[in-house]
PDB file of N, CA and C in Angstrom:
ATOM      1  N   MET A   1      24.194  11.093   7.452  1.00  0.00           N
ATOM      2  CA  MET A   1      25.700  11.190   7.778  1.00  0.00           C
ATOM      3  C   MET A   1      26.260   9.896   7.660  1.00  0.00           C
ATOM      4  N   ASN A   2      27.432   9.617   7.008  1.00  0.00           N
ATOM      5  CA  ASN A   2      28.132   8.429   6.659  1.00  0.00           C
ATOM      6  C   ASN A   2      29.537   8.253   7.523  1.00  0.00           C
ATOM      7  N   ASN A   3      29.497   7.316   8.383  1.00  0.00           N
ATOM      8  CA  ASN A   3      30.753   7.019   9.331  1.00  0.00           C
ATOM      9  C   ASN A   3      31.329   5.960   8.808  1.00  0.00           C
ATOM     10  N   HIS A   4      32.668   5.822   8.888  1.00  0.00           N
ATOM     11  CA  HIS A   4      33.416   4.731   8.301  1.00  0.00           C
ATOM     12  C   HIS A   4      34.434   4.359   9.310  1.00  0.00           C
ATOM     13  N   ASN A   5      34.411   3.332  10.098  1.00  0.00           N
ATOM     14  CA  ASN A   5      35.281   2.814  11.173  1.00  0.00           C
ATOM     15  C   ASN A   5      35.967   1.499  10.688  1.00  0.00           C
ATOM     16  N   LYS A   6      37.163   1.410  11.306  1.00  0.00           N
ATOM     17  CA  LYS A   6      37.719   0.148  11.041  1.00  0.00           C
ATOM     18  C   LYS A   6      38.405  -0.473  12.317  1.00  0.00           C
ATOM     19  N   LEU A   7      37.912  -1.727  12.518  1.00  0.00           N
ATOM     20  CA  LEU A   7      38.305  -2.452  13.662  1.00  0.00           C
ATOM     21  C   LEU A   7      39.238  -3.551  13.373  1.00  0.00           C
ATOM     22  N   LYS A   8      40.251  -3.744  14.121  1.00  0.00           N
ATOM     23  CA  LYS A   8      41.254  -4.797  13.986  1.00  0.00           C
ATOM     24  C   LYS A   8      40.736  -6.055  14.767  1.00  0.00           C
ATOM     25  N   LEU A   9      40.550  -7.123  14.105  1.00  0.00           N
ATOM     26  CA  LEU A   9      40.089  -8.383  14.586  1.00  0.00           C
ATOM     27  C   LEU A   9      40.811  -9.603  14.260  1.00  0.00           C
ATOM     28  N   LYS A  10      41.544 -10.228  15.129  1.00  0.00           N
ATOM     29  CA  LYS A  10      42.256 -11.425  14.698  1.00  0.00           C
ATOM     30  C   LYS A  10      43.356 -11.253  13.749  1.00  0.00           C
ATOM     31  N   GLY A  11      43.964 -10.168  13.504  1.00  0.00           N
ATOM     32  CA  GLY A  11      44.888  -9.816  12.468  1.00  0.00           C
ATOM     33  C   GLY A  11      44.411  -9.500  11.116  1.00  0.00           C
ATOM     34  N   SER A  12      42.977  -9.311  10.980  1.00  0.00           N
ATOM     35  CA  SER A  12      42.535  -8.898   9.856  1.00  0.00           C
ATOM     36  C   SER A  12      41.797  -7.602  10.090  1.00  0.00           C
ATOM     37  N   TYR A  13      41.223  -6.902   9.231  1.00  0.00           N
ATOM     38  CA  TYR A  13      40.503  -5.694   9.218  1.00  0.00           C
ATOM     39  C   TYR A  13      38.949  -5.878   8.909  1.00  0.00           C
ATOM     40  N   PHE A  14      38.118  -5.462   9.671  1.00  0.00           N
ATOM     41  CA  PHE A  14      36.661  -5.427   9.406  1.00  0.00           C
ATOM     42  C   PHE A  14      36.130  -4.072   9.433  1.00  0.00           C
ATOM     43  N   TYR A  15      35.675  -3.714   8.258  1.00  0.00           N
ATOM     44  CA  TYR A  15      35.185  -2.237   7.994  1.00  0.00           C
ATOM     45  C   TYR A  15      33.575  -2.266   8.286  1.00  0.00           C
ATOM     46  N   VAL A  16      33.263  -1.090   9.305  1.00  0.00           N
ATOM     47  CA  VAL A  16      31.921  -0.989   9.582  1.00  0.00           C
ATOM     48  C   VAL A  16      31.546   0.355   9.028  1.00  0.00           C
ATOM     49  N   PHE A  17      30.528   0.215   8.314  1.00  0.00           N
ATOM     50  CA  PHE A  17      29.875   1.371   7.678  1.00  0.00           C
ATOM     51  C   PHE A  17      28.560   1.861   8.630  1.00  0.00           C
ATOM     52  N   LEU A  18      28.451   3.012   9.188  1.00  0.00           N
ATOM     53  CA  LEU A  18      27.290   3.316   9.760  1.00  0.00           C
ATOM     54  C   LEU A  18      26.533   4.454   8.995  1.00  0.00           C
ATOM     55  N   LEU A  19      25.258   4.304   8.740  1.00  0.00           N
ATOM     56  CA  LEU A  19      24.383   5.092   8.042  1.00  0.00           C
ATOM     57  C   LEU A  19      23.317   5.834   9.038  1.00  0.00           C
ATOM     58  N   THR A  20      23.496   6.934   9.544  1.00  0.00           N
ATOM     59  CA  THR A  20      22.728   7.414  10.560  1.00  0.00           C
ATOM     60  C   THR A  20      21.512   8.469   9.906  1.00  0.00           C
ATOM     61  N   PHE A  21      20.423   8.280  10.290  1.00  0.00           N
ATOM     62  CA  PHE A  21      19.321   9.122   9.898  1.00  0.00           C
ATOM     63  C   PHE A  21      18.242   9.334  10.996  1.00  0.00           C
ATOM     64  N   VAL A  22      17.498  10.450  11.066  1.00  0.00           N
ATOM     65  CA  VAL A  22      16.539  10.688  12.115  1.00  0.00           C
ATOM     66  C   VAL A  22      15.374  10.875  11.134  1.00  0.00           C
ATOM     67  N   ALA A  23      14.335  10.153  11.169  1.00  0.00           N
ATOM     68  CA  ALA A  23      12.968  10.511  10.556  1.00  0.00           C
ATOM     69  C   ALA A  23      11.820  10.701  11.475  1.00  0.00           C
ATOM     70  N   PHE A  24      11.073  11.746  11.332  1.00  0.00           N
ATOM     71  CA  PHE A  24      10.022  11.822  12.239  1.00  0.00           C
ATOM     72  C   PHE A  24      10.384  11.763  13.823  1.00  0.00           C
ATOM     73  N   GLY A  25      11.487  12.308  14.148  1.00  0.00           N
ATOM     74  CA  GLY A  25      12.008  12.381  15.520  1.00  0.00           C
ATOM     75  C   GLY A  25      12.307  11.127  16.092  1.00  0.00           C
ATOM     76  N   GLN A  26      12.830  10.305  15.314  1.00  0.00           N
ATOM     77  CA  GLN A  26      13.023   8.861  15.658  1.00  0.00           C
ATOM     78  C   GLN A  26      14.228   8.908  16.533  1.00  0.00           C
ATOM     79  N   GLU A  27      14.394   8.249  17.611  1.00  0.00           N
ATOM     80  CA  GLU A  27      15.442   8.189  18.716  1.00  0.00           C
ATOM     81  C   GLU A  27      16.509   7.226  18.408  1.00  0.00           C
ATOM     82  N   ILE A  28      17.794   7.682  18.451  1.00  0.00           N
ATOM     83  CA  ILE A  28      18.893   6.900  18.160  1.00  0.00           C
ATOM     84  C   ILE A  28      19.678   6.746  19.417  1.00  0.00           C
ATOM     85  N   TYR A  29      20.026   5.521  19.865  1.00  0.00           N
ATOM     86  CA  TYR A  29      20.552   5.302  21.171  1.00  0.00           C
ATOM     87  C   TYR A  29      21.975   4.578  20.794  1.00  0.00           C
ATOM     88  N   THR A  30      22.790   4.546  21.780  1.00  0.00           N
ATOM     89  CA  THR A  30      24.197   3.772  21.677  1.00  0.00           C
ATOM     90  C   THR A  30      24.110   2.583  22.558  1.00  0.00           C
ATOM     91  N   GLU A  31      24.535   1.481  22.182  1.00  0.00           N
ATOM     92  CA  GLU A  31      24.882   0.147  22.694  1.00  0.00           C
ATOM     93  C   GLU A  31      26.263   0.035  23.011  1.00  0.00           C
ATOM     94  N   ARG A  32      26.675  -0.179  24.204  1.00  0.00           N
ATOM     95  CA  ARG A  32      28.223  -0.494  24.479  1.00  0.00           C
ATOM     96  C   ARG A  32      28.404  -1.972  24.235  1.00  0.00           C
ATOM     97  N   ILE A  33      29.349  -2.125  23.330  1.00  0.00           N
ATOM     98  CA  ILE A  33      29.661  -3.578  22.907  1.00  0.00           C
ATOM     99  C   ILE A  33      30.725  -3.998  23.855  1.00  0.00           C
ATOM    100  N   SER A  34      31.643  -3.348  24.024  1.00  0.00           N
ATOM    101  CA  SER A  34      32.781  -3.748  24.831  1.00  0.00           C
ATOM    102  C   SER A  34      33.245  -2.346  25.503  1.00  0.00           C
ATOM    103  N   ASN A  35      34.321  -2.500  26.187  1.00  0.00           N
ATOM    104  CA  ASN A  35      35.095  -1.181  26.761  1.00  0.00           C
ATOM    105  C   ASN A  35      35.423  -0.265  25.720  1.00  0.00           C
ATOM    106  N   ASN A  36      35.704  -0.606  24.519  1.00  0.00           N
ATOM    107  CA  ASN A  36      36.356   0.162  23.378  1.00  0.00           C
ATOM    108  C   ASN A  36      35.424   0.485  22.357  1.00  0.00           C
ATOM    109  N   TYR A  37      34.312  -0.275  22.041  1.00  0.00           N
ATOM    110  CA  TYR A  37      33.355  -0.240  21.056  1.00  0.00           C
ATOM    111  C   TYR A  37      32.038  -0.107  21.559  1.00  0.00           C
ATOM    112  N   GLU A  38      31.352   0.854  20.649  1.00  0.00           N
ATOM    113  CA  GLU A  38      29.878   1.293  20.740  1.00  0.00           C
ATOM    114  C   GLU A  38      29.128   1.150  19.374  1.00  0.00           C
ATOM    115  N   MET A  39      27.879   0.830  19.662  1.00  0.00           N
ATOM    116  CA  MET A  39      27.046   0.743  18.182  1.00  0.00           C
ATOM    117  C   MET A  39      25.734   1.428  18.319  1.00  0.00           C
ATOM    118  N   ASP A  40      25.560   2.386  17.412  1.00  0.00           N
ATOM    119  CA  ASP A  40      24.295   3.092  17.396  1.00  0.00           C
ATOM    120  C   ASP A  40      23.159   2.300  16.772  1.00  0.00           C
ATOM    121  N   MET A  41      22.054   2.465  17.606  1.00  0.00           N
ATOM    122  CA  MET A  41      20.874   1.581  17.219  1.00  0.00           C
ATOM    123  C   MET A  41      19.746   2.562  17.075  1.00  0.00           C
ATOM    124  N   VAL A  42      18.669   1.890  16.288  1.00  0.00           N
ATOM    125  CA  VAL A  42      17.524   2.649  16.161  1.00  0.00           C
ATOM    126  C   VAL A  42      16.295   1.665  16.369  1.00  0.00           C
ATOM    127  N   PHE A  43      15.157   1.960  16.710  1.00  0.00           N
ATOM    128  CA  PHE A  43      14.058   0.987  17.018  1.00  0.00           C
ATOM    129  C   PHE A  43      13.510   0.822  15.740  1.00  0.00           C
ATOM    130  N   ILE A  44      13.233  -0.279  15.391  1.00  0.00           N
ATOM    131  CA  ILE A  44      12.333  -0.698  14.182  1.00  0.00           C
ATOM    132  C   ILE A  44      11.192  -1.492  14.476  1.00  0.00           C
ATOM    133  N   LYS A  45       9.885  -0.967  14.362  1.00  0.00           N
ATOM    134  CA  LYS A  45       8.695  -1.577  14.728  1.00  0.00           C
ATOM    135  C   LYS A  45       8.529  -3.025  14.352  1.00  0.00           C
ATOM    136  N   GLY A  46       8.146  -3.938  15.162  1.00  0.00           N
ATOM    137  CA  GLY A  46       8.019  -5.237  14.782  1.00  0.00           C
ATOM    138  C   GLY A  46       7.071  -5.368  13.589  1.00  0.00           C
ATOM    139  N   GLY A  47       7.448  -6.336  12.551  1.00  0.00           N
ATOM    140  CA  GLY A  47       6.598  -6.536  11.325  1.00  0.00           C
ATOM    141  C   GLY A  47       6.867  -5.559  10.301  1.00  0.00           C
ATOM    142  N   SER A  48       7.792  -4.612  10.519  1.00  0.00           N
ATOM    143  CA  SER A  48       8.016  -3.547   9.499  1.00  0.00           C
ATOM    144  C   SER A  48       9.375  -3.891   8.812  1.00  0.00           C
ATOM    145  N   PHE A  49      10.020  -4.719   9.206  1.00  0.00           N
ATOM    146  CA  PHE A  49      11.420  -5.079   8.511  1.00  0.00           C
ATOM    147  C   PHE A  49      11.499  -6.563   8.165  1.00  0.00           C
ATOM    148  N   LEU A  50      11.906  -6.776   6.932  1.00  0.00           N
ATOM    149  CA  LEU A  50      12.141  -8.235   6.646  1.00  0.00           C
ATOM    150  C   LEU A  50      13.401  -8.459   6.102  1.00  0.00           C
ATOM    151  N   MET A  51      14.048  -9.524   6.601  1.00  0.00           N
ATOM    152  CA  MET A  51      15.758  -9.691   6.208  1.00  0.00           C
ATOM    153  C   MET A  51      15.609 -11.185   5.640  1.00  0.00           C
ATOM    154  N   GLY A  52      16.488 -11.180   4.659  1.00  0.00           N
ATOM    155  CA  GLY A  52      16.620 -12.498   3.885  1.00  0.00           C
ATOM    156  C   GLY A  52      16.950 -12.396   2.433  1.00  0.00           C
ATOM    157  N   SER A  53      16.724 -13.362   1.881  1.00  0.00           N
ATOM    158  CA  SER A  53      16.892 -13.367   0.330  1.00  0.00           C
ATOM    159  C   SER A  53      15.479 -14.086  -0.216  1.00  0.00           C
ATOM    160  N   PRO A  54      15.250 -13.725  -1.435  1.00  0.00           N
ATOM    161  CA  PRO A  54      14.047 -14.486  -1.956  1.00  0.00           C
ATOM    162  C   PRO A  54      14.443 -15.853  -2.353  1.00  0.00           C
ATOM    163  N   LYS A  55      13.510 -16.833  -2.181  1.00  0.00           N
ATOM    164  CA  LYS A  55      13.637 -18.376  -2.521  1.00  0.00           C
ATOM    165  C   LYS A  55      14.195 -18.503  -3.781  1.00  0.00           C
ATOM    166  N   SER A  56      13.848 -17.482  -4.720  1.00  0.00           N
ATOM    167  CA  SER A  56      14.453 -17.851  -6.103  1.00  0.00           C
ATOM    168  C   SER A  56      15.832 -17.370  -6.388  1.00  0.00           C
ATOM    169  N   GLU A  57      16.554 -16.836  -5.298  1.00  0.00           N
ATOM    170  CA  GLU A  57      17.930 -16.488  -5.381  1.00  0.00           C
ATOM    171  C   GLU A  57      18.873 -17.581  -5.499  1.00  0.00           C
ATOM    172  N   LYS A  58      19.786 -17.551  -6.386  1.00  0.00           N
ATOM    173  CA  LYS A  58      20.776 -18.797  -6.444  1.00  0.00           C
ATOM    174  C   LYS A  58      21.523 -18.978  -5.027  1.00  0.00           C
ATOM    175  N   GLY A  59      21.535 -20.127  -4.585  1.00  0.00           N
ATOM    176  CA  GLY A  59      22.152 -20.204  -3.144  1.00  0.00           C
ATOM    177  C   GLY A  59      21.287 -20.207  -2.152  1.00  0.00           C
ATOM    178  N   HIS A  60      20.117 -19.808  -2.131  1.00  0.00           N
ATOM    179  CA  HIS A  60      19.090 -19.634  -1.225  1.00  0.00           C
ATOM    180  C   HIS A  60      18.715 -21.152  -0.630  1.00  0.00           C
ATOM    181  N   PHE A  61      18.744 -21.343   0.681  1.00  0.00           N
ATOM    182  CA  PHE A  61      18.244 -22.687   1.183  1.00  0.00           C
ATOM    183  C   PHE A  61      17.521 -22.447   2.487  1.00  0.00           C
TER     184      PHE A  61
END
């Protein structure tokens, strides 16, 4: 399921794309960000997710 939400921040628009999926009964929970906004979260086991860019990528530091 693909949700598209638009938030107005300091006079500009910030688009939030949320891709929700459930695999092997994985639980999704909602984290309240403020009185008006919530974020859906899913647990990712430690050591199973790597974020960043390769050292060979232009602009990497």
